[in-house]
Protein backbone atom coordinates (compact mmCIF):
# COMPACT_ATOMS: atom_id res chain seq x y z
CA MET A 1 42.73 42.03 161.43
CA SER A 2 43.67 43.31 164.78
CA ASN A 3 47.17 43.02 166.44
CA GLU A 4 46.20 39.76 168.11
CA ILE A 5 47.81 36.34 167.21
CA TYR A 6 45.44 34.18 165.09
CA ILE A 7 46.00 30.50 164.26
CA TYR A 8 43.72 28.84 161.76
CA ARG A 9 43.70 25.13 162.59
CA LYS A 10 41.72 21.88 162.51
CA ASP A 11 41.04 19.25 165.09
CA PHE A 12 43.58 16.48 165.68
CA CYS A 13 46.26 18.51 163.87
CA PRO A 14 49.67 17.79 165.47
CA TYR A 15 51.35 20.71 163.54
CA CYS A 16 48.78 23.06 164.87
CA THR A 17 49.37 21.90 168.46
CA ARG A 18 53.22 22.18 167.82
CA ALA A 19 52.84 25.76 166.69
CA GLU A 20 50.73 26.70 169.71
CA LYS A 21 53.22 25.10 172.10
CA LEU A 22 55.94 27.16 170.69
CA LEU A 23 53.90 30.47 171.14
CA GLU A 24 52.94 29.43 174.65
CA SER A 25 56.63 28.77 175.56
CA LEU A 26 57.36 32.31 174.63
CA GLY A 27 54.43 33.65 176.70
CA ALA A 28 52.40 34.70 173.67
CA GLY A 29 48.63 34.43 173.78
CA TYR A 30 46.71 33.59 170.69
CA THR A 31 43.20 33.09 169.26
CA GLU A 32 42.29 29.73 167.64
CA ILE A 33 40.05 29.77 164.52
CA ASN A 34 38.94 26.17 164.13
CA ILE A 35 37.83 25.65 160.47
CA ASP A 36 36.26 22.31 161.43
CA ASN A 37 33.78 24.03 163.72
CA GLN A 38 33.55 27.16 161.64
CA PRO A 39 33.45 26.06 158.06
CA GLU A 40 32.93 29.67 156.77
CA LYS A 41 36.53 30.37 158.10
CA LYS A 42 38.00 27.90 155.63
CA LYS A 43 37.23 30.25 152.84
CA GLU A 44 38.42 33.20 154.80
CA MET A 45 41.77 31.37 155.56
CA ILE A 46 42.26 30.63 151.84
CA GLU A 47 41.59 34.25 150.82
CA LYS A 48 43.79 35.85 153.52
CA THR A 49 46.76 33.55 152.80
CA GLY A 50 46.63 33.78 149.04
CA GLY A 51 45.48 30.25 148.44
CA ALA A 52 46.95 28.13 151.27
CA LYS A 53 45.08 24.78 151.77
CA THR A 54 46.87 23.38 154.78
CA VAL A 55 46.85 24.15 158.49
CA PRO A 56 47.98 25.81 160.69
CA GLN A 57 48.05 29.22 159.08
CA ILE A 58 49.40 31.80 161.50
CA PHE A 59 49.02 35.66 161.61
CA ILE A 60 50.89 37.82 164.11
CA GLY A 61 48.92 40.98 164.03
CA ASP A 62 48.70 42.13 160.43
CA LYS A 63 51.65 40.08 159.44
CA TYR A 64 51.13 36.74 157.78
CA ILE A 65 53.54 34.19 159.00
CA GLY A 66 52.52 31.00 157.28
CA ASP A 67 52.53 27.44 158.55
CA CYS A 68 54.14 25.61 161.45
CA ASP A 69 57.55 25.30 159.68
CA LYS A 70 57.63 29.07 158.94
CA LEU A 71 56.91 29.82 162.55
CA TYR A 72 59.82 27.53 163.65
CA GLU A 73 62.09 28.98 161.07
CA LEU A 74 61.52 32.45 162.50
CA HIS A 75 62.16 31.06 165.95
CA LYS A 76 65.41 29.43 164.85
CA GLU A 77 66.58 32.71 163.20
CA GLU A 78 65.75 34.44 166.50
CA LYS A 79 63.35 36.76 164.83
CA LEU A 80 60.04 35.42 166.35
CA LYS A 81 60.65 36.93 169.74
CA THR A 82 61.31 40.35 168.30
CA LEU A 83 58.22 40.06 166.21
CA LEU A 84 56.07 39.13 169.12
CA GLU A 85 57.48 41.97 171.30
CA GLU A 86 56.79 44.53 168.44
CA ASN A 87 53.28 43.17 168.18
CA THR A 88 52.68 43.46 171.88
CA GLU A 89 53.80 47.15 171.87
CA LYS A 90 51.69 47.93 168.86
CA ASN A 91 48.72 46.08 170.47
CA SER A 92 49.07 48.13 173.65
CA GLU A 93 49.00 51.38 171.66
CA GLU A 94 45.98 50.39 169.50
CA HIS A 95 44.02 48.55 172.06
CA PRO A 96 43.30 50.52 175.19
CA PRO A 97 42.32 48.70 178.49
CA ASP A 98 38.94 47.05 178.61
CA HIS A 99 38.38 48.22 182.10
CA GLU A 100 39.67 50.75 184.62
CA LEU A 101 39.73 48.19 187.37
CA VAL A 102 39.75 44.47 187.54
CA ILE A 103 39.13 42.71 190.84
CA ILE A 104 40.46 39.18 191.12
CA GLY A 105 38.34 37.38 193.72
CA SER A 106 34.77 37.69 194.93
CA GLY A 107 34.82 37.17 198.70
CA ALA A 108 34.08 39.82 201.25
CA ALA A 109 37.17 41.89 200.13
CA GLY A 110 36.53 41.60 196.42
CA LEU A 111 32.86 42.37 196.51
CA THR A 112 33.23 45.34 198.91
CA ALA A 113 35.90 46.73 196.67
CA ALA A 114 33.53 46.34 193.67
CA ILE A 115 30.71 48.23 195.49
CA TYR A 116 33.09 51.12 196.46
CA ALA A 117 34.62 51.33 192.99
CA ARG A 118 31.25 51.38 191.15
CA ARG A 119 29.88 53.99 193.48
CA SER A 120 32.90 56.11 192.51
CA GLY A 121 32.09 55.60 188.78
CA ILE A 122 35.03 53.34 188.00
CA GLN A 123 34.48 50.80 185.27
CA THR A 124 34.83 47.52 187.25
CA LEU A 125 35.15 43.91 186.44
CA VAL A 126 35.15 41.13 189.15
CA ILE A 127 36.72 37.80 188.19
CA GLU A 128 34.97 35.44 190.55
CA GLY A 129 37.45 32.68 190.90
CA ARG A 130 37.03 28.98 191.66
CA GLN A 131 34.91 29.60 194.77
CA PRO A 132 32.57 32.49 194.08
CA GLY A 133 31.84 34.22 197.37
CA GLY A 134 35.08 33.06 198.92
CA GLN A 135 35.45 31.19 202.19
CA LEU A 136 32.34 32.64 203.74
CA THR A 137 30.19 30.57 201.38
CA ILE A 138 31.27 27.39 203.43
CA THR A 139 30.83 29.16 206.74
CA GLY A 140 27.75 28.62 208.85
CA GLY A 141 26.41 31.25 211.20
CA VAL A 142 28.29 34.63 211.10
CA GLU A 143 27.52 36.22 214.45
CA ASN A 144 30.03 39.07 214.53
CA PHE A 145 29.29 40.94 211.29
CA PRO A 146 27.77 44.31 212.05
CA GLY A 147 24.18 44.87 211.19
CA PHE A 148 22.97 41.21 211.81
CA PRO A 149 22.08 41.00 215.50
CA GLU A 150 20.63 37.56 214.97
CA GLY A 151 23.56 36.32 212.90
CA ILE A 152 23.49 35.35 209.24
CA ASP A 153 24.58 32.40 207.15
CA GLY A 154 27.90 33.04 205.50
CA GLY A 155 26.61 32.03 202.03
CA GLN A 156 23.63 34.34 202.34
CA LEU A 157 25.85 37.26 203.39
CA MET A 158 27.91 36.87 200.27
CA GLN A 159 24.77 36.54 198.08
CA ARG A 160 23.56 39.83 199.46
CA THR A 161 26.93 41.51 198.99
CA ARG A 162 27.12 40.34 195.38
CA LYS A 163 23.60 41.52 194.69
CA GLN A 164 24.64 44.87 196.06
CA ALA A 165 27.61 44.98 193.70
CA GLU A 166 25.38 43.99 190.80
CA GLY A 167 23.05 46.77 191.78
CA PHE A 168 25.88 49.28 191.20
CA GLU A 169 26.40 47.58 187.74
CA ALA A 170 29.76 45.89 188.40
CA ASP A 171 30.59 43.41 185.62
CA PHE A 172 31.38 39.71 186.55
CA SER A 173 33.39 36.99 184.90
CA THR A 174 33.08 33.41 185.98
CA GLY A 175 36.00 31.11 186.67
CA PRO A 176 39.49 31.91 187.86
CA ALA A 177 42.36 34.00 186.58
CA THR A 178 44.85 31.57 184.98
CA GLU A 179 47.66 33.96 183.91
CA ILE A 180 48.58 37.59 184.53
CA ASP A 181 51.06 40.03 183.12
CA PHE A 182 51.78 43.00 185.40
CA SER A 183 54.56 44.41 183.22
CA GLY A 184 52.22 47.18 182.22
CA PRO A 185 50.11 49.25 182.74
CA PRO A 186 47.96 48.30 181.10
CA PHE A 187 47.82 45.02 182.87
CA GLU A 188 46.68 41.78 181.30
CA ILE A 189 44.63 39.06 183.07
CA LYS A 190 43.76 35.79 181.35
CA THR A 191 40.90 33.47 182.31
CA GLU A 192 40.01 30.18 180.74
CA ASN A 193 37.86 31.85 178.15
CA SER A 194 38.93 35.53 177.94
CA VAL A 195 41.69 38.13 178.17
CA PHE A 196 41.12 41.39 180.09
CA ARG A 197 43.22 44.48 179.99
CA THR A 198 42.98 46.97 182.84
CA ARG A 199 44.58 50.14 184.22
CA THR A 200 44.46 48.91 187.84
CA VAL A 201 44.00 45.62 189.66
CA ILE A 202 42.80 44.59 193.16
CA ILE A 203 43.85 41.15 194.20
CA ALA A 204 41.37 39.55 196.62
CA THR A 205 41.95 35.87 195.92
CA GLY A 206 41.82 34.80 199.60
CA ALA A 207 43.38 31.68 200.99
CA SER A 208 42.72 27.92 200.78
CA ALA A 209 42.64 25.24 203.39
CA ARG A 210 45.89 23.47 204.26
CA TRP A 211 46.28 19.76 204.39
CA LEU A 212 48.37 17.43 206.53
CA GLY A 213 50.17 15.95 203.57
CA LEU A 214 49.55 12.35 204.36
CA ASP A 215 48.99 9.75 201.66
CA SER A 216 46.10 8.29 203.65
CA GLU A 217 44.54 11.81 203.89
CA GLN A 218 44.42 11.98 200.08
CA LYS A 219 43.14 8.41 199.84
CA TYR A 220 40.16 9.17 202.10
CA ARG A 221 39.31 12.74 200.98
CA GLY A 222 35.63 12.71 200.35
CA LYS A 223 35.27 9.43 202.08
CA GLY A 224 35.50 10.71 205.58
CA VAL A 225 38.19 13.32 205.37
CA SER A 226 37.10 16.90 204.89
CA ALA A 227 38.33 20.52 205.40
CA CYS A 228 34.76 21.95 205.78
CA ALA A 229 32.44 21.04 208.63
CA THR A 230 29.77 23.30 207.27
CA CYS A 231 29.75 21.38 203.96
CA ASP A 232 30.11 17.87 205.32
CA GLY A 233 29.16 17.82 208.95
CA PHE A 234 25.61 16.68 208.16
CA PHE A 235 26.88 13.36 206.91
CA PHE A 236 28.25 12.40 210.34
CA LYS A 237 25.05 12.48 212.33
CA ASP A 238 25.47 10.44 215.51
CA GLN A 239 29.01 9.44 214.61
CA ARG A 240 32.45 10.15 216.08
CA VAL A 241 34.63 12.74 214.47
CA VAL A 242 38.06 14.12 214.85
CA VAL A 243 39.19 17.74 214.33
CA ILE A 244 42.84 18.55 213.76
CA GLY A 245 44.18 21.87 214.97
CA GLY A 246 44.08 24.33 217.89
CA GLY A 247 43.20 27.69 216.43
CA ASP A 248 39.93 29.53 216.01
CA SER A 249 39.13 27.57 212.81
CA ALA A 250 39.51 24.26 214.57
CA LEU A 251 37.24 25.15 217.49
CA GLU A 252 34.71 26.71 215.23
CA GLU A 253 34.63 23.45 213.26
CA ALA A 254 34.42 21.48 216.45
CA LEU A 255 31.59 23.51 217.93
CA PHE A 256 29.66 23.29 214.69
CA LEU A 257 30.09 19.58 214.44
CA THR A 258 28.51 19.03 217.82
CA ARG A 259 25.24 19.76 216.16
CA PHE A 260 25.51 16.32 214.38
CA ALA A 261 28.31 14.17 215.84
CA SER A 262 27.96 12.03 218.97
CA LYS A 263 31.53 12.92 219.99
CA VAL A 264 34.20 15.43 218.72
CA THR A 265 37.78 14.84 219.48
CA VAL A 266 40.17 17.84 219.02
CA ILE A 267 43.75 16.75 218.38
CA HIS A 268 46.36 19.51 218.87
CA ARG A 269 50.15 19.14 218.61
CA ARG A 270 50.68 21.56 221.43
CA SER A 271 49.69 21.62 225.11
CA GLU A 272 47.50 24.81 224.85
CA LEU A 273 45.18 26.32 222.26
CA ARG A 274 46.04 29.13 219.98
CA ALA A 275 42.30 29.98 219.71
CA SER A 276 40.63 32.95 221.30
CA SER A 277 39.69 32.54 225.04
CA LEU A 278 35.97 32.81 224.26
CA LEU A 279 36.05 29.87 221.75
CA GLY A 280 38.36 27.88 224.08
CA ARG A 281 35.87 28.27 226.91
CA ARG A 282 32.89 27.26 224.74
CA ALA A 283 34.76 24.20 223.47
CA ARG A 284 35.83 23.16 227.02
CA GLU A 285 32.36 23.54 228.31
CA ASN A 286 30.78 21.50 225.60
CA GLU A 287 30.26 17.95 226.84
CA LYS A 288 30.59 16.46 223.36
CA ILE A 289 34.07 17.84 222.87
CA GLU A 290 37.29 16.07 224.18
CA PHE A 291 40.92 17.27 223.69
CA VAL A 292 44.02 15.29 222.97
CA TRP A 293 47.14 17.38 223.53
CA ASN A 294 50.75 17.11 222.25
CA SER A 295 49.64 14.80 219.54
CA GLU A 296 49.56 14.59 215.82
CA ILE A 297 48.08 12.20 213.27
CA VAL A 298 50.47 9.97 211.41
CA GLU A 299 47.85 7.90 209.54
CA ILE A 300 44.19 7.93 208.76
CA ILE A 301 42.81 4.40 208.92
CA GLY A 302 39.90 2.91 206.93
CA ASP A 303 38.60 -0.04 204.99
CA GLY A 304 39.35 1.55 201.61
CA ASN A 305 35.98 3.24 201.28
CA ASN A 306 35.27 4.69 204.76
CA VAL A 307 37.32 6.06 207.60
CA ASN A 308 37.26 4.17 210.84
CA GLY A 309 40.02 5.77 212.88
CA VAL A 310 43.32 7.70 213.06
CA ARG A 311 46.67 6.70 214.43
CA THR A 312 48.41 9.38 216.45
CA VAL A 313 51.69 9.78 218.28
CA SER A 314 52.12 11.93 221.33
CA HIS A 315 55.08 13.31 223.29
CA PRO A 316 54.79 15.19 226.59
CA ASP A 317 57.07 18.05 225.43
CA GLY A 318 55.20 18.67 222.08
CA HIS A 319 58.26 18.15 219.97
CA PRO A 320 58.10 17.16 216.23
CA LEU A 321 56.42 13.98 217.11
CA HIS A 322 56.74 11.82 214.07
CA LYS A 323 60.54 12.36 214.09
CA LEU A 324 60.79 11.22 217.69
CA ALA A 325 58.43 8.27 217.54
CA GLU A 326 60.82 5.57 216.42
CA GLY A 327 62.72 4.04 219.38
CA ASN A 328 61.77 6.75 221.82
CA PRO A 329 60.09 5.45 225.01
CA ASP A 330 58.55 8.89 225.76
CA VAL A 331 56.45 8.71 222.54
CA GLU A 332 53.18 7.00 222.77
CA GLU A 333 51.16 5.71 219.80
CA VAL A 334 47.39 5.76 220.11
CA LYS A 335 44.58 4.74 217.87
CA ILE A 336 41.42 6.82 218.08
CA ASP A 337 38.23 5.33 216.56
CA CYS A 338 36.14 7.73 214.38
CA GLU A 339 34.11 7.95 211.32
CA GLY A 340 35.14 11.45 210.19
CA VAL A 341 38.37 13.55 210.08
CA PHE A 342 38.26 17.29 209.68
CA ILE A 343 41.45 19.19 208.94
CA ALA A 344 41.53 22.65 210.39
CA ILE A 345 45.20 23.78 210.47
CA GLY A 346 44.88 27.04 208.67
CA HIS A 347 44.96 28.31 205.10
CA SER A 348 47.53 29.14 202.46
CA PRO A 349 47.17 32.40 200.42
CA ASN A 350 46.13 31.97 196.74
CA THR A 351 49.07 33.82 195.27
CA GLU A 352 50.84 31.34 192.95
CA ILE A 353 50.17 33.19 189.70
CA PHE A 354 51.35 36.55 191.21
CA GLU A 355 54.75 35.45 192.58
CA ASP A 356 56.74 36.38 189.56
CA TYR A 357 55.47 39.96 189.69
CA LEU A 358 54.70 40.80 193.36
CA LYS A 359 56.62 40.45 196.59
CA THR A 360 55.40 37.75 199.05
CA ASP A 361 56.46 36.65 202.48
CA GLU A 362 57.90 33.28 203.46
CA ASP A 363 54.33 31.77 203.47
CA GLY A 364 53.28 33.25 200.17
CA PHE A 365 51.09 36.11 201.59
CA LEU A 366 51.36 39.34 199.51
CA ILE A 367 53.51 41.92 201.17
CA THR A 368 51.66 45.30 201.28
CA THR A 369 52.63 48.70 202.58
CA ASP A 370 49.97 51.17 204.01
CA GLU A 371 47.75 48.08 204.10
CA VAL A 372 46.82 47.64 200.49
CA PHE A 373 49.73 48.69 198.30
CA THR A 374 51.65 45.86 196.68
CA SER A 375 55.11 46.15 195.23
CA GLN A 376 53.73 46.93 191.71
CA PRO A 377 52.20 50.48 191.30
CA GLY A 378 48.55 50.16 190.24
CA VAL A 379 48.13 46.69 191.78
CA PHE A 380 46.53 46.51 195.25
CA ALA A 381 45.66 43.62 197.53
CA ALA A 382 42.83 43.12 200.03
CA GLY A 383 41.56 40.44 202.38
CA ASP A 384 43.08 37.13 203.42
CA VAL A 385 45.58 37.00 200.48
CA GLN A 386 47.61 39.65 202.42
CA ASP A 387 46.14 39.56 205.98
CA ARG A 388 47.80 36.73 207.94
CA ARG A 389 46.80 38.27 211.35
CA TYR A 390 43.11 38.98 211.57
CA ARG A 391 41.54 36.94 208.69
CA GLN A 392 37.92 38.13 209.58
CA ALA A 393 35.05 38.90 207.26
CA ILE A 394 34.81 42.47 208.56
CA THR A 395 38.50 43.20 208.13
CA ALA A 396 38.50 41.73 204.65
CA ALA A 397 35.57 43.96 203.76
CA ALA A 398 37.39 46.95 205.26
CA SER A 399 40.59 46.21 203.24
CA GLY A 400 38.43 45.87 200.13
CA CYS A 401 37.01 49.35 200.73
CA LYS A 402 40.55 50.78 201.29
CA ALA A 403 41.85 49.09 198.11
CA ALA A 404 39.02 50.61 196.00
CA LEU A 405 39.61 54.09 197.40
CA GLU A 406 43.35 53.88 196.72
CA ALA A 407 42.68 52.57 193.18
CA GLU A 408 40.32 55.52 192.52
CA LYS A 409 43.10 57.81 193.75
CA TYR A 410 45.67 56.13 191.56
CA LEU A 411 43.46 56.42 188.50
CA LEU A 412 42.87 60.10 189.08
CA GLU A 413 46.58 60.76 189.42
CA GLN A 414 47.35 58.85 186.26
CA SER A 415 44.68 60.90 184.37
CA ASP A 416 46.14 64.13 185.67
C-alpha cells in the first residue's frame, strides 16, 4: 500500500462520514474504497485488518489505524496531526511529481502557455476549469487578434488554440481545481476526481462577470437578466434591452445587441464613458442605442417569470445614487421599460483558492513581478487573473507565453 490515506467504507455509514470529516478538517486528502460498490474489496479489507468486519477501516500510508473511534482517539491524544505530517513527508519522498508543469485554466493565456511549454519538451497538464476556453468562448466576433483579417468567432479561436496544444501532446483534465497546496515544491492540486503533483504551476484562471448584488437581479437571472450578450442576445429579437456599465465590455455588449434588439439603453452611473473612444463613437452613432447618464438601477421589475422594466435613480453630480435618493429633491426616480437586462460592469479575478498562498491586491488580482512571477517561487500567473489593465486576448496569450518561458527557465535552474 502506498503512503496515501485509505478509508474502507460503505454507503450510508455515519461513522465513515465522521472519520472523513475529521481528516478534511486537518487538511488531509484520502481515497475512499467503497466495499458496497467494490465487493472484492470487502475480502481485501478483512485480510489487511486481521479480521475486522466493521467500517470504516482506516490506513495512513502503511500504518493501520483502525475504525472511527481509533482515529478520534489519536486526535484526542494529539498524535494524529504528527502522523499525518510524517506521512506527507514520506509521500513526497516516495512519490515524485506527476508533471513538470500544471496550468490551471484553459483560456488564451493557459492554452498559449501549454503550446510553448510542450514545444520546449516540458511535461504539461492543463486543468480546464469550469469554462473551458475562458471568456473568449462567450465572445462573438474577435476583430483585433493578429492573423485573422476577417475576424474570427471567439469560441472558434479557442477551439483552434486548444487543438494546437493537443497537437503538441499537452494533457488535459476536465473540471476546475478545487484545492491547492503550494507549500512545496512539489505542489499539489486537487480537482473533483484527481490529485496532481507538479514541480511548477501557471495560474491562468481568468476572471468572472460581476453582478450588481440586487435581490431582484438574482430573482430574474435566466429570466431576462444576463451577463453575456453573445449567449443570450438572440432571445431578445425585436425587444427592448438595457445594458449596465460604461466601459469597453458594456459598449461591446450594446453594439452586439443591436443585431437583435429593437432598442438598447445603456445606463451608466457617471456622466462620461470609460470605454475607448472608438467604441464610444460607434455606440453614439448607432441609432438603436440610447444613453442614460448619472443613473443606476435599484430594482429589476417583472411579473415573476419575465423582466418588464428597471427602476433607476439619477443625480446630476453622479454621487452614490441609492444613498442619496431618500428625501433628496435632486434625485430623480425613473422606470425604464425593457424585456432584457445585461450586466456589463466588469469582472472579478478567479483567485479564491490561491489567497492563502499568494499575494493579491485589494480587488483579488494576483500580484506579479516582472509580469508573471507570483509571490511563490515556481508558481507563475498569466492573463486576466493578474492583468487588471489591458484584459485583451492578445495580451493574455502573450503573458501565457512569458509564463511558460519562465517556468522552463525555473525548471532548468532547479535541475542544475
